[in-house]
Amino acid sequence: MRIISANLNGIRSASTKGFFDWLPSQAADVVCVQELKAQAADLKPEFIQCNGLSGAFHYAEKKGYSGVGVYTRTPPQQIIEGLGVPEFDAEGRYIEADFGHLAVISLYQPSGSSGEERQQAKFRFLDVFFPRLETLIKSGREIVICGDWNIAHKEADLKNWKSNQKNSGFLPEERAWMSRLFDELGWVDVYRSLYPEHTGEAYTWWSNRGQAYAKNVGWRIDYQIATPSIAKMAQSASVYKDQRFSDHAPLIVDYDYAP
């Protein structure tokens, strides 16, 4: 089973850069996308059905903002939109494809980089999302949560870690929250479990400022975080950089698991 996670920074923009031309070549079973920056009326047919993949979406109420989606090859038993928290459900940050024995979730955690108000919103999201993560891992199902978590967990997960210790995305409180997911709840960072020593090849996002991409001054903020059993089935993971569809790069993981 191949699962892809990709922050598109606008589904219409990513389309013009070839995302939907590339996707069929990947033979993915599930594709999670984030930051749609679109509403239902903005989606062309090829954004909804693509080479045997059918999309479901959770849109933000605000136009041109946020939003997540999940494409599945096998029809899920149900699609769950939102966390049941009005503040964040209005921003379109969570969608779950439930296959019964398996659930795959597309997640877009808030960014706090625009200022203190949004950083406080990010902290509120972390507070309300943690109990959901606890409930999910105790459900007994296999679960993969894909998306832009907007947190670089360890020093190896960004190029300039020393100068970013007071910046959103690498704050001590955010990093400690990530550690609790793994150490207290038992979730597994799939890429890092496969490649514990990877640094630059693991980055998934680069600032548009300066020559960040050209110099690979990046951050690893896109993850597939899974329950332990399915995490152990991960055979390989890679970050696709041969084409640029967004300021993020797709994260591809192959699991020895039959969907």
Protein backbone atom coordinates (compact mmCIF):
# COMPACT_ATOMS: atom_id res chain seq x y z
CA MET A 1 0.00 0.00 0.00
CA ARG A 2 1.39 3.36 -1.04
CA ILE A 3 0.33 6.49 0.83
CA ILE A 4 1.31 9.99 -0.29
CA SER A 5 1.03 13.20 1.71
CA ALA A 6 1.36 16.56 -0.04
CA ASN A 7 0.76 20.15 1.04
CA LEU A 8 -0.30 21.72 -2.26
CA ASN A 9 -0.23 25.39 -1.23
CA GLY A 10 -3.31 25.77 -3.40
CA ILE A 11 -4.82 22.88 -5.36
CA ARG A 12 -5.34 25.06 -8.43
CA SER A 13 -1.75 26.28 -8.30
CA ALA A 14 -0.40 22.74 -7.87
CA SER A 15 -2.47 21.63 -10.85
CA THR A 16 -0.84 24.20 -13.13
CA LYS A 17 2.54 22.91 -11.93
CA GLY A 18 1.72 19.35 -12.97
CA PHE A 19 0.56 17.67 -9.75
CA PHE A 20 -2.37 15.85 -11.37
CA ASP A 21 -0.21 14.86 -14.35
CA TRP A 22 2.32 13.31 -11.97
CA LEU A 23 -0.09 11.58 -9.62
CA PRO A 24 -1.18 8.70 -11.92
CA SER A 25 2.44 7.56 -12.28
CA GLN A 26 2.66 6.98 -8.53
CA ALA A 27 0.08 4.16 -8.29
CA ALA A 28 -0.91 5.38 -4.83
CA ASP A 29 -3.67 3.77 -2.80
CA VAL A 30 -4.33 6.86 -0.66
CA VAL A 31 -3.26 10.46 -1.23
CA CYS A 32 -3.66 13.07 1.50
CA VAL A 33 -3.50 16.72 0.49
CA GLN A 34 -3.45 19.89 2.54
CA GLU A 35 -3.86 23.62 2.03
CA LEU A 36 -6.40 23.39 -0.76
CA LYS A 37 -7.06 27.15 -0.77
CA ALA A 38 -10.30 26.39 -2.61
CA GLN A 39 -14.00 25.69 -2.16
CA ALA A 40 -16.12 22.99 -3.77
CA ALA A 41 -17.12 25.25 -6.65
CA ASP A 42 -13.43 25.80 -7.52
CA LEU A 43 -12.64 22.13 -8.10
CA LYS A 44 -12.42 20.86 -11.65
CA PRO A 45 -13.52 17.26 -12.30
CA GLU A 46 -9.89 16.13 -12.54
CA PHE A 47 -9.32 17.50 -9.03
CA ILE A 48 -12.01 15.14 -7.70
CA GLN A 49 -11.45 11.97 -9.76
CA CYS A 50 -7.90 11.16 -10.82
CA ASN A 51 -6.83 7.83 -12.34
CA GLY A 52 -9.04 5.67 -10.15
CA LEU A 53 -8.65 7.85 -7.07
CA SER A 54 -11.74 9.55 -5.67
CA GLY A 55 -11.38 12.67 -3.56
CA ALA A 56 -13.23 13.85 -0.47
CA PHE A 57 -12.57 17.28 1.01
CA HIS A 58 -13.00 19.38 4.13
CA TYR A 59 -13.03 23.01 3.06
CA ALA A 60 -12.32 26.08 5.09
CA GLU A 61 -15.17 28.56 5.38
CA LYS A 62 -12.80 31.37 4.46
CA LYS A 63 -12.19 31.49 0.72
CA GLY A 64 -8.68 30.79 -0.51
CA TYR A 65 -7.58 29.40 2.85
CA SER A 66 -6.54 26.08 4.35
CA GLY A 67 -8.63 22.97 3.57
CA VAL A 68 -7.69 19.28 3.37
CA GLY A 69 -8.55 16.31 1.21
CA VAL A 70 -8.08 12.56 0.92
CA TYR A 71 -8.06 10.52 -2.29
CA THR A 72 -8.78 6.80 -2.03
CA ARG A 73 -8.64 3.96 -4.54
CA THR A 74 -10.88 1.72 -2.44
CA PRO A 75 -14.11 3.41 -1.29
CA PRO A 76 -13.98 4.03 2.47
CA GLN A 77 -16.79 2.96 4.77
CA GLN A 78 -17.20 6.56 5.83
CA ILE A 79 -15.56 9.98 5.62
CA ILE A 80 -15.26 12.00 8.82
CA GLU A 81 -14.83 15.75 8.40
CA GLY A 82 -13.50 17.83 11.25
CA LEU A 83 -12.71 17.31 14.91
CA GLY A 84 -15.98 18.56 16.32
CA VAL A 85 -14.25 21.78 17.42
CA PRO A 86 -15.95 24.73 15.68
CA GLU A 87 -12.93 27.07 15.76
CA PHE A 88 -10.80 24.66 13.77
CA ASP A 89 -13.47 22.85 11.77
CA ALA A 90 -14.23 26.24 10.20
CA GLU A 91 -10.64 26.21 8.94
CA GLY A 92 -10.83 22.79 7.25
CA ARG A 93 -7.97 20.99 9.03
CA TYR A 94 -8.99 17.33 9.42
CA ILE A 95 -10.52 14.64 7.24
CA GLU A 96 -10.52 10.91 7.95
CA ALA A 97 -11.10 8.04 5.54
CA ASP A 98 -12.39 5.14 7.62
CA PHE A 99 -11.99 1.67 6.12
CA GLY A 100 -13.02 -0.10 9.33
CA HIS A 101 -9.76 -1.91 10.06
CA LEU A 102 -7.75 1.02 8.73
CA ALA A 103 -8.08 4.80 8.88
CA VAL A 104 -6.03 7.33 6.95
CA ILE A 105 -6.23 10.96 8.03
CA SER A 106 -5.23 14.14 6.24
CA LEU A 107 -4.21 16.82 8.72
CA TYR A 108 -3.18 20.45 8.42
CA GLN A 109 -2.11 21.84 11.77
CA PRO A 110 -2.14 25.62 12.17
CA SER A 111 0.94 27.70 11.62
CA GLY A 112 1.88 30.32 14.17
CA SER A 113 4.45 32.08 12.02
CA SER A 114 2.25 35.07 11.16
CA GLY A 115 2.09 36.37 14.72
CA GLU A 116 1.21 35.79 18.35
CA GLU A 117 -2.54 35.52 17.73
CA ARG A 118 -2.07 32.59 15.35
CA GLN A 119 0.54 31.01 17.62
CA GLN A 120 -1.98 30.98 20.44
CA ALA A 121 -4.52 29.40 18.06
CA LYS A 122 -1.91 26.78 17.24
CA PHE A 123 -1.44 26.01 20.93
CA ARG A 124 -5.22 25.69 21.32
CA PHE A 125 -5.28 23.25 18.43
CA LEU A 126 -2.53 21.14 19.99
CA ASP A 127 -4.49 21.08 23.25
CA VAL A 128 -7.71 19.84 21.66
CA PHE A 129 -6.05 17.48 19.20
CA PHE A 130 -4.01 15.56 21.77
CA PRO A 131 -7.05 13.81 23.33
CA ARG A 132 -8.23 12.82 19.82
CA LEU A 133 -4.82 11.30 19.16
CA GLU A 134 -5.13 9.33 22.38
CA THR A 135 -8.60 8.09 21.43
CA LEU A 136 -7.43 7.10 17.95
CA ILE A 137 -4.46 5.06 19.10
CA LYS A 138 -6.61 3.26 21.67
CA SER A 139 -9.22 2.34 19.05
CA GLY A 140 -7.41 -0.84 18.04
CA ARG A 141 -7.38 0.11 14.36
CA GLU A 142 -4.39 0.69 12.11
CA ILE A 143 -4.13 4.45 11.57
CA VAL A 144 -1.86 6.65 9.47
CA ILE A 145 -2.06 10.42 10.00
CA CYS A 146 -0.56 12.29 7.06
CA GLY A 147 0.01 15.94 6.74
CA ASP A 148 1.65 19.22 7.46
CA TRP A 149 2.14 19.20 11.22
CA ASN A 150 3.95 22.58 11.11
CA ILE A 151 6.48 21.39 13.71
CA ALA A 152 10.05 20.24 13.18
CA HIS A 153 10.54 17.76 15.99
CA LYS A 154 14.30 17.41 16.36
CA GLU A 155 17.43 19.36 15.47
CA ALA A 156 17.99 16.98 12.54
CA ASP A 157 14.65 18.09 11.10
CA LEU A 158 15.70 21.54 9.95
CA LYS A 159 18.84 23.13 8.59
CA ASN A 160 19.16 26.20 10.81
CA TRP A 161 17.93 24.80 14.10
CA LYS A 162 20.04 27.05 16.32
CA SER A 163 18.60 30.27 14.93
CA ASN A 164 15.01 28.96 14.93
CA GLN A 165 14.63 27.97 18.58
CA LYS A 166 12.38 30.97 19.26
CA ASN A 167 10.41 30.70 16.03
CA SER A 168 7.06 29.04 15.47
CA GLY A 169 7.51 25.50 14.25
CA PHE A 170 10.53 24.82 16.45
CA LEU A 171 9.45 26.22 19.80
CA PRO A 172 10.29 24.08 22.84
CA GLU A 173 6.58 23.72 23.69
CA GLU A 174 5.76 22.48 20.18
CA ARG A 175 8.63 20.01 20.12
CA ALA A 176 7.69 18.72 23.58
CA TRP A 177 4.12 18.16 22.34
CA MET A 178 5.46 16.04 19.47
CA SER A 179 7.61 14.05 21.88
CA ARG A 180 4.53 13.26 23.97
CA LEU A 181 2.82 11.75 20.92
CA PHE A 182 5.64 9.29 20.54
CA ASP A 183 6.77 8.72 24.12
CA GLU A 184 3.43 8.81 25.97
CA LEU A 185 0.88 7.73 23.38
CA GLY A 186 3.04 5.41 21.30
CA TRP A 187 2.61 6.91 17.84
CA VAL A 188 5.47 6.31 15.40
CA ASP A 189 7.15 8.81 13.06
CA VAL A 190 7.35 6.49 10.06
CA TYR A 191 10.03 8.27 8.07
CA ARG A 192 12.28 8.68 11.08
CA SER A 193 11.81 5.06 12.12
CA LEU A 194 13.10 3.99 8.70
CA TYR A 195 15.89 6.56 8.40
CA PRO A 196 16.99 7.73 11.85
CA GLU A 197 20.10 9.49 10.52
CA HIS A 198 18.66 11.36 7.54
CA THR A 199 18.95 15.15 7.57
CA GLY A 200 18.82 17.17 4.34
CA GLU A 201 17.13 14.47 2.26
CA ALA A 202 14.28 14.43 4.78
CA TYR A 203 13.24 18.09 4.41
CA THR A 204 9.75 18.64 3.03
CA TRP A 205 9.36 22.45 3.10
CA TRP A 206 11.50 25.40 2.07
CA SER A 207 10.87 29.09 2.53
CA ASN A 208 10.29 31.11 -0.64
CA ARG A 209 12.66 33.71 0.70
CA GLY A 210 16.28 33.87 -0.41
CA GLN A 211 17.68 30.74 -2.03
CA ALA A 212 16.29 28.32 0.56
CA TYR A 213 15.35 25.59 -1.91
CA ALA A 214 18.46 25.92 -4.03
CA LYS A 215 20.62 25.72 -0.89
CA ASN A 216 18.38 23.06 0.72
CA VAL A 217 17.78 25.22 3.78
CA GLY A 218 14.68 23.24 4.64
CA TRP A 219 12.43 21.90 7.37
CA ARG A 220 10.87 18.47 7.88
CA ILE A 221 7.32 19.38 8.90
CA ASP A 222 5.31 16.92 6.78
CA TYR A 223 4.93 13.51 8.39
CA GLN A 224 3.19 10.18 8.23
CA ILE A 225 2.61 9.28 11.87
CA ALA A 226 1.17 5.83 12.45
CA THR A 227 0.10 3.24 14.97
CA PRO A 228 2.99 0.91 15.84
CA SER A 229 1.82 -2.18 13.97
CA ILE A 230 1.37 -0.57 10.57
CA ALA A 231 4.47 1.58 11.13
CA LYS A 232 6.48 -1.64 11.33
CA MET A 233 5.11 -2.57 7.90
CA ALA A 234 6.66 0.51 6.28
CA GLN A 235 9.22 -0.65 3.73
CA SER A 236 10.48 2.61 2.27
CA ALA A 237 9.87 6.34 2.36
CA SER A 238 11.00 9.18 0.15
CA VAL A 239 10.51 12.88 -0.44
CA TYR A 240 9.78 13.60 -4.10
CA LYS A 241 11.83 16.54 -5.37
CA ASP A 242 12.16 15.95 -9.12
CA GLN A 243 9.32 18.40 -9.72
CA ARG A 244 8.05 21.27 -7.60
CA PHE A 245 4.30 21.48 -7.18
CA SER A 246 4.40 23.67 -4.06
CA ASP A 247 6.74 25.08 -1.41
CA HIS A 248 6.35 21.58 0.13
CA ALA A 249 7.42 18.27 -1.40
CA PRO A 250 5.30 15.09 -1.37
CA LEU A 251 6.16 12.43 1.21
CA ILE A 252 5.71 8.90 -0.16
CA VAL A 253 5.62 5.79 2.05
CA ASP A 254 5.18 2.18 0.94
CA TYR A 255 3.69 -0.24 3.47
CA ASP A 256 3.60 -4.03 3.28
CA TYR A 257 -0.12 -3.88 3.97
CA ALA A 258 -3.10 -4.84 1.85
CA PRO A 259 -5.73 -2.07 1.96
